[in-house]
PDB file of all heavy atoms in Angstrom:
ATOM      1  N   ALA A   1     -27.298 -28.778  36.157  1.00  0.00           N
ATOM      2  CA  ALA A   1     -27.401 -29.430  34.851  1.00  0.00           C
ATOM      3  C   ALA A   1     -27.180 -30.892  35.043  1.00  0.00           C
ATOM      4  O   ALA A   1     -27.902 -31.725  34.358  1.00  0.00           O
ATOM      5  CB  ALA A   1     -26.363 -28.832  33.911  1.00  0.00           C
ATOM      6  N   ILE A   2     -26.268 -31.310  35.880  1.00  0.00           N
ATOM      7  CA  ILE A   2     -26.051 -32.731  36.076  1.00  0.00           C
ATOM      8  C   ILE A   2     -27.321 -33.387  36.779  1.00  0.00           C
ATOM      9  O   ILE A   2     -27.681 -34.484  36.396  1.00  0.00           O
ATOM     10  CB  ILE A   2     -24.801 -32.933  36.914  1.00  0.00           C
ATOM     11  CG1 ILE A   2     -23.545 -32.646  36.226  1.00  0.00           C
ATOM     12  CG2 ILE A   2     -24.716 -34.455  37.475  1.00  0.00           C
ATOM     13  CD1 ILE A   2     -22.260 -32.609  37.088  1.00  0.00           C
ATOM     14  N   ARG A   3     -27.878 -32.705  37.703  1.00  0.00           N
ATOM     15  CA  ARG A   3     -29.060 -33.244  38.362  1.00  0.00           C
ATOM     16  C   ARG A   3     -30.157 -33.474  37.363  1.00  0.00           C
ATOM     17  O   ARG A   3     -30.853 -34.523  37.374  1.00  0.00           O
ATOM     18  CB  ARG A   3     -29.502 -32.220  39.422  1.00  0.00           C
ATOM     19  CG  ARG A   3     -30.760 -32.654  40.280  1.00  0.00           C
ATOM     20  CD  ARG A   3     -31.127 -31.626  41.313  1.00  0.00           C
ATOM     21  NE  ARG A   3     -31.817 -30.555  40.549  1.00  0.00           N
ATOM     22  CZ  ARG A   3     -33.085 -30.541  40.231  1.00  0.00           C
ATOM     23  NH1 ARG A   3     -33.900 -31.556  40.467  1.00  0.00           N
ATOM     24  NH2 ARG A   3     -33.613 -29.415  39.636  1.00  0.00           N
ATOM     25  N   LEU A   4     -30.417 -32.503  36.578  1.00  0.00           N
ATOM     26  CA  LEU A   4     -31.526 -32.627  35.497  1.00  0.00           C
ATOM     27  C   LEU A   4     -31.232 -33.667  34.472  1.00  0.00           C
ATOM     28  O   LEU A   4     -32.137 -34.406  34.099  1.00  0.00           O
ATOM     29  CB  LEU A   4     -31.800 -31.245  34.808  1.00  0.00           C
ATOM     30  CG  LEU A   4     -32.256 -30.140  35.722  1.00  0.00           C
ATOM     31  CD1 LEU A   4     -32.287 -28.878  34.938  1.00  0.00           C
ATOM     32  CD2 LEU A   4     -33.636 -30.427  36.214  1.00  0.00           C
ATOM     33  N   THR A   5     -29.992 -33.830  34.149  1.00  0.00           N
ATOM     34  CA  THR A   5     -29.549 -34.799  33.163  1.00  0.00           C
ATOM     35  C   THR A   5     -29.711 -36.257  33.781  1.00  0.00           C
ATOM     36  O   THR A   5     -30.146 -37.262  33.079  1.00  0.00           O
ATOM     37  CB  THR A   5     -28.169 -34.687  32.665  1.00  0.00           C
ATOM     38  OG1 THR A   5     -28.051 -33.333  32.144  1.00  0.00           O
ATOM     39  CG2 THR A   5     -27.842 -35.652  31.589  1.00  0.00           C
ATOM     40  N   ARG A   6     -29.452 -36.421  35.036  1.00  0.00           N
ATOM     41  CA  ARG A   6     -29.729 -37.640  35.760  1.00  0.00           C
ATOM     42  C   ARG A   6     -31.193 -38.005  35.745  1.00  0.00           C
ATOM     43  O   ARG A   6     -31.563 -39.084  35.502  1.00  0.00           O
ATOM     44  CB  ARG A   6     -29.317 -37.565  37.197  1.00  0.00           C
ATOM     45  CG  ARG A   6     -27.773 -37.651  37.498  1.00  0.00           C
ATOM     46  CD  ARG A   6     -27.542 -37.814  38.959  1.00  0.00           C
ATOM     47  NE  ARG A   6     -26.115 -37.647  39.337  1.00  0.00           N
ATOM     48  CZ  ARG A   6     -25.268 -38.624  39.166  1.00  0.00           C
ATOM     49  NH1 ARG A   6     -25.659 -39.822  38.780  1.00  0.00           N
ATOM     50  NH2 ARG A   6     -24.019 -38.485  39.547  1.00  0.00           N
ATOM     51  N   GLN A   7     -32.077 -36.984  35.978  1.00  0.00           N
ATOM     52  CA  GLN A   7     -33.482 -37.197  35.990  1.00  0.00           C
ATOM     53  C   GLN A   7     -33.864 -37.654  34.561  1.00  0.00           C
ATOM     54  O   GLN A   7     -34.701 -38.546  34.416  1.00  0.00           O
ATOM     55  CB  GLN A   7     -34.260 -35.845  36.287  1.00  0.00           C
ATOM     56  CG  GLN A   7     -34.239 -35.507  37.735  1.00  0.00           C
ATOM     57  CD  GLN A   7     -35.233 -34.318  37.955  1.00  0.00           C
ATOM     58  OE1 GLN A   7     -35.848 -33.835  37.037  1.00  0.00           O
ATOM     59  NE2 GLN A   7     -35.149 -33.803  39.182  1.00  0.00           N
ATOM     60  N   LEU A   8     -33.328 -37.013  33.593  1.00  0.00           N
ATOM     61  CA  LEU A   8     -33.734 -37.373  32.182  1.00  0.00           C
ATOM     62  C   LEU A   8     -33.373 -38.846  31.834  1.00  0.00           C
ATOM     63  O   LEU A   8     -33.995 -39.639  31.258  1.00  0.00           O
ATOM     64  CB  LEU A   8     -33.102 -36.416  31.222  1.00  0.00           C
ATOM     65  CG  LEU A   8     -33.539 -36.458  29.718  1.00  0.00           C
ATOM     66  CD1 LEU A   8     -35.009 -36.353  29.599  1.00  0.00           C
ATOM     67  CD2 LEU A   8     -32.788 -35.415  28.999  1.00  0.00           C
ATOM     68  N   ALA A   9     -32.075 -39.180  32.263  1.00  0.00           N
ATOM     69  CA  ALA A   9     -31.549 -40.495  32.053  1.00  0.00           C
ATOM     70  C   ALA A   9     -32.369 -41.623  32.761  1.00  0.00           C
ATOM     71  O   ALA A   9     -32.513 -42.666  32.297  1.00  0.00           O
ATOM     72  CB  ALA A   9     -30.082 -40.577  32.511  1.00  0.00           C
ATOM     73  N   ALA A  10     -32.897 -41.178  33.917  1.00  0.00           N
ATOM     74  CA  ALA A  10     -33.803 -42.200  34.668  1.00  0.00           C
ATOM     75  C   ALA A  10     -35.143 -42.363  34.122  1.00  0.00           C
ATOM     76  O   ALA A  10     -35.799 -43.387  34.314  1.00  0.00           O
ATOM     77  CB  ALA A  10     -33.838 -41.630  36.156  1.00  0.00           C
ATOM     78  N   SER A  11     -35.520 -41.355  33.228  1.00  0.00           N
ATOM     79  CA  SER A  11     -36.930 -41.376  32.745  1.00  0.00           C
ATOM     80  C   SER A  11     -36.956 -41.891  31.304  1.00  0.00           C
ATOM     81  O   SER A  11     -38.075 -42.422  30.905  1.00  0.00           O
ATOM     82  CB  SER A  11     -37.622 -39.963  32.807  1.00  0.00           C
ATOM     83  OG  SER A  11     -36.854 -39.062  31.986  1.00  0.00           O
ATOM     84  N   ILE A  12     -35.935 -41.783  30.489  1.00  0.00           N
ATOM     85  CA  ILE A  12     -36.030 -42.312  29.122  1.00  0.00           C
ATOM     86  C   ILE A  12     -34.740 -43.078  28.776  1.00  0.00           C
ATOM     87  O   ILE A  12     -33.626 -42.857  29.396  1.00  0.00           O
ATOM     88  CB  ILE A  12     -36.124 -41.112  28.117  1.00  0.00           C
ATOM     89  CG1 ILE A  12     -34.878 -40.229  28.099  1.00  0.00           C
ATOM     90  CG2 ILE A  12     -37.378 -40.293  28.278  1.00  0.00           C
ATOM     91  CD1 ILE A  12     -34.963 -39.102  27.063  1.00  0.00           C
ATOM     92  N   ASP A  13     -34.823 -44.042  27.911  1.00  0.00           N
ATOM     93  CA  ASP A  13     -33.742 -44.886  27.512  1.00  0.00           C
ATOM     94  C   ASP A  13     -33.224 -44.333  26.196  1.00  0.00           C
ATOM     95  O   ASP A  13     -33.706 -44.627  25.133  1.00  0.00           O
ATOM     96  CB  ASP A  13     -34.222 -46.310  27.406  1.00  0.00           C
ATOM     97  CG  ASP A  13     -33.116 -47.281  27.000  1.00  0.00           C
ATOM     98  OD1 ASP A  13     -31.991 -46.918  27.313  1.00  0.00           O
ATOM     99  OD2 ASP A  13     -33.382 -48.451  26.509  1.00  0.00           O
ATOM    100  N   HIS A  14     -32.130 -43.551  26.257  1.00  0.00           N
ATOM    101  CA  HIS A  14     -31.578 -42.847  25.106  1.00  0.00           C
ATOM    102  C   HIS A  14     -30.029 -42.785  25.207  1.00  0.00           C
ATOM    103  O   HIS A  14     -29.481 -42.257  26.289  1.00  0.00           O
ATOM    104  CB  HIS A  14     -32.132 -41.424  25.024  1.00  0.00           C
ATOM    105  CG  HIS A  14     -31.929 -40.790  23.752  1.00  0.00           C
ATOM    106  ND1 HIS A  14     -30.715 -40.496  23.207  1.00  0.00           N
ATOM    107  CD2 HIS A  14     -32.849 -40.281  22.769  1.00  0.00           C
ATOM    108  CE1 HIS A  14     -30.812 -39.859  22.094  1.00  0.00           C
ATOM    109  NE2 HIS A  14     -32.123 -39.762  21.832  1.00  0.00           N
ATOM    110  N   PRO A  15     -29.318 -43.346  24.345  1.00  0.00           N
ATOM    111  CA  PRO A  15     -27.789 -43.397  24.494  1.00  0.00           C
ATOM    112  C   PRO A  15     -27.097 -42.081  24.571  1.00  0.00           C
ATOM    113  O   PRO A  15     -26.143 -41.825  25.230  1.00  0.00           O
ATOM    114  CB  PRO A  15     -27.319 -44.218  23.230  1.00  0.00           C
ATOM    115  CG  PRO A  15     -28.450 -44.138  22.388  1.00  0.00           C
ATOM    116  CD  PRO A  15     -29.639 -44.110  23.130  1.00  0.00           C
ATOM    117  N   GLU A  16     -27.738 -41.036  23.905  1.00  0.00           N
ATOM    118  CA  GLU A  16     -27.151 -39.666  23.931  1.00  0.00           C
ATOM    119  C   GLU A  16     -27.392 -38.959  25.233  1.00  0.00           C
ATOM    120  O   GLU A  16     -26.613 -38.164  25.694  1.00  0.00           O
ATOM    121  CB  GLU A  16     -27.603 -38.842  22.772  1.00  0.00           C
ATOM    122  CG  GLU A  16     -26.852 -38.947  21.496  1.00  0.00           C
ATOM    123  CD  GLU A  16     -25.462 -38.457  21.609  1.00  0.00           C
ATOM    124  OE1 GLU A  16     -24.589 -39.148  22.195  1.00  0.00           O
ATOM    125  OE2 GLU A  16     -25.143 -37.358  21.258  1.00  0.00           O
ATOM    126  N   VAL A  17     -28.489 -39.306  25.905  1.00  0.00           N
ATOM    127  CA  VAL A  17     -28.669 -38.808  27.301  1.00  0.00           C
ATOM    128  C   VAL A  17     -27.615 -39.421  28.232  1.00  0.00           C
ATOM    129  O   VAL A  17     -26.965 -38.670  28.967  1.00  0.00           O
ATOM    130  CB  VAL A  17     -30.130 -39.173  27.784  1.00  0.00           C
ATOM    131  CG1 VAL A  17     -30.172 -38.702  29.285  1.00  0.00           C
ATOM    132  CG2 VAL A  17     -31.212 -38.532  26.951  1.00  0.00           C
ATOM    133  N   ALA A  18     -27.372 -40.666  28.084  1.00  0.00           N
ATOM    134  CA  ALA A  18     -26.277 -41.267  28.818  1.00  0.00           C
ATOM    135  C   ALA A  18     -24.921 -40.714  28.492  1.00  0.00           C
ATOM    136  O   ALA A  18     -24.033 -40.524  29.318  1.00  0.00           O
ATOM    137  CB  ALA A  18     -26.291 -42.789  28.624  1.00  0.00           C
ATOM    138  N   GLY A  19     -24.736 -40.448  27.173  1.00  0.00           N
ATOM    139  CA  GLY A  19     -23.440 -39.814  26.767  1.00  0.00           C
ATOM    140  C   GLY A  19     -23.262 -38.490  27.360  1.00  0.00           C
ATOM    141  O   GLY A  19     -22.127 -38.129  27.807  1.00  0.00           O
ATOM    142  N   LEU A  20     -24.288 -37.668  27.398  1.00  0.00           N
ATOM    143  CA  LEU A  20     -24.241 -36.329  27.988  1.00  0.00           C
ATOM    144  C   LEU A  20     -23.936 -36.405  29.472  1.00  0.00           C
ATOM    145  O   LEU A  20     -23.048 -35.658  30.052  1.00  0.00           O
ATOM    146  CB  LEU A  20     -25.499 -35.541  27.711  1.00  0.00           C
ATOM    147  CG  LEU A  20     -25.424 -34.134  28.367  1.00  0.00           C
ATOM    148  CD1 LEU A  20     -24.253 -33.317  27.821  1.00  0.00           C
ATOM    149  CD2 LEU A  20     -26.822 -33.433  28.078  1.00  0.00           C
ATOM    150  N   LEU A  21     -24.619 -37.303  30.183  1.00  0.00           N
ATOM    151  CA  LEU A  21     -24.398 -37.502  31.615  1.00  0.00           C
ATOM    152  C   LEU A  21     -22.960 -37.832  31.922  1.00  0.00           C
ATOM    153  O   LEU A  21     -22.220 -37.283  32.786  1.00  0.00           O
ATOM    154  CB  LEU A  21     -25.313 -38.485  32.182  1.00  0.00           C
ATOM    155  CG  LEU A  21     -25.176 -38.862  33.668  1.00  0.00           C
ATOM    156  CD1 LEU A  21     -25.341 -37.547  34.525  1.00  0.00           C
ATOM    157  CD2 LEU A  21     -26.145 -39.914  34.124  1.00  0.00           C
ATOM    158  N   ALA A  22     -22.471 -38.866  31.125  1.00  0.00           N
ATOM    159  CA  ALA A  22     -21.060 -39.286  31.340  1.00  0.00           C
ATOM    160  C   ALA A  22     -20.090 -38.079  30.998  1.00  0.00           C
ATOM    161  O   ALA A  22     -19.089 -37.863  31.826  1.00  0.00           O
ATOM    162  CB  ALA A  22     -20.742 -40.393  30.199  1.00  0.00           C
ATOM    163  N   LEU A  23     -20.286 -37.304  29.946  1.00  0.00           N
ATOM    164  CA  LEU A  23     -19.486 -36.183  29.689  1.00  0.00           C
ATOM    165  C   LEU A  23     -19.464 -35.176  30.783  1.00  0.00           C
ATOM    166  O   LEU A  23     -18.432 -34.611  31.184  1.00  0.00           O
ATOM    167  CB  LEU A  23     -19.962 -35.503  28.398  1.00  0.00           C
ATOM    168  CG  LEU A  23     -19.251 -34.190  27.982  1.00  0.00           C
ATOM    169  CD1 LEU A  23     -17.818 -34.447  27.662  1.00  0.00           C
ATOM    170  CD2 LEU A  23     -20.007 -33.639  26.678  1.00  0.00           C
ATOM    171  N   MET A  24     -20.617 -34.909  31.383  1.00  0.00           N
ATOM    172  CA  MET A  24     -20.720 -33.923  32.535  1.00  0.00           C
ATOM    173  C   MET A  24     -19.952 -34.478  33.705  1.00  0.00           C
ATOM    174  O   MET A  24     -19.231 -33.667  34.302  1.00  0.00           O
ATOM    175  CB  MET A  24     -22.195 -33.722  32.832  1.00  0.00           C
ATOM    176  CG  MET A  24     -22.967 -32.882  31.840  1.00  0.00           C
ATOM    177  SD  MET A  24     -24.693 -32.731  32.398  1.00  0.00           S
ATOM    178  CE  MET A  24     -25.350 -31.593  31.241  1.00  0.00           C
ATOM    179  N   LEU A  25     -20.163 -35.745  33.984  1.00  0.00           N
ATOM    180  CA  LEU A  25     -19.451 -36.347  35.219  1.00  0.00           C
ATOM    181  C   LEU A  25     -17.948 -36.297  35.027  1.00  0.00           C
ATOM    182  O   LEU A  25     -17.237 -35.877  36.000  1.00  0.00           O
ATOM    183  CB  LEU A  25     -19.950 -37.743  35.392  1.00  0.00           C
ATOM    184  CG  LEU A  25     -21.378 -37.894  35.904  1.00  0.00           C
ATOM    185  CD1 LEU A  25     -21.757 -39.357  35.809  1.00  0.00           C
ATOM    186  CD2 LEU A  25     -21.591 -37.391  37.319  1.00  0.00           C
ATOM    187  N   LEU A  26     -17.453 -36.607  33.858  1.00  0.00           N
ATOM    188  CA  LEU A  26     -15.989 -36.611  33.663  1.00  0.00           C
ATOM    189  C   LEU A  26     -15.409 -35.201  33.705  1.00  0.00           C
ATOM    190  O   LEU A  26     -14.346 -35.044  34.224  1.00  0.00           O
ATOM    191  CB  LEU A  26     -15.720 -37.206  32.262  1.00  0.00           C
ATOM    192  CG  LEU A  26     -15.991 -38.779  32.260  1.00  0.00           C
ATOM    193  CD1 LEU A  26     -16.127 -39.258  30.817  1.00  0.00           C
ATOM    194  CD2 LEU A  26     -14.943 -39.557  33.034  1.00  0.00           C
ATOM    195  N   HIS A  27     -16.094 -34.182  33.125  1.00  0.00           N
ATOM    196  CA  HIS A  27     -15.622 -32.771  33.204  1.00  0.00           C
ATOM    197  C   HIS A  27     -15.705 -32.343  34.611  1.00  0.00           C
ATOM    198  O   HIS A  27     -14.773 -31.615  35.172  1.00  0.00           O
ATOM    199  CB  HIS A  27     -16.430 -31.949  32.336  1.00  0.00           C
ATOM    200  CG  HIS A  27     -15.928 -31.943  30.857  1.00  0.00           C
ATOM    201  ND1 HIS A  27     -14.598 -31.847  30.522  1.00  0.00           N
ATOM    202  CD2 HIS A  27     -16.558 -32.077  29.690  1.00  0.00           C
ATOM    203  CE1 HIS A  27     -14.477 -31.908  29.185  1.00  0.00           C
ATOM    204  NE2 HIS A  27     -15.676 -32.054  28.647  1.00  0.00           N
TER     205      HIS A  27
END
């Protein structure tokens, strides 16, 4: 899930994508 969210964050500029990636990394 983290890998796919990284891919998504790299492909689109969306603050909630970044928020989800941060949440996953912190957990």
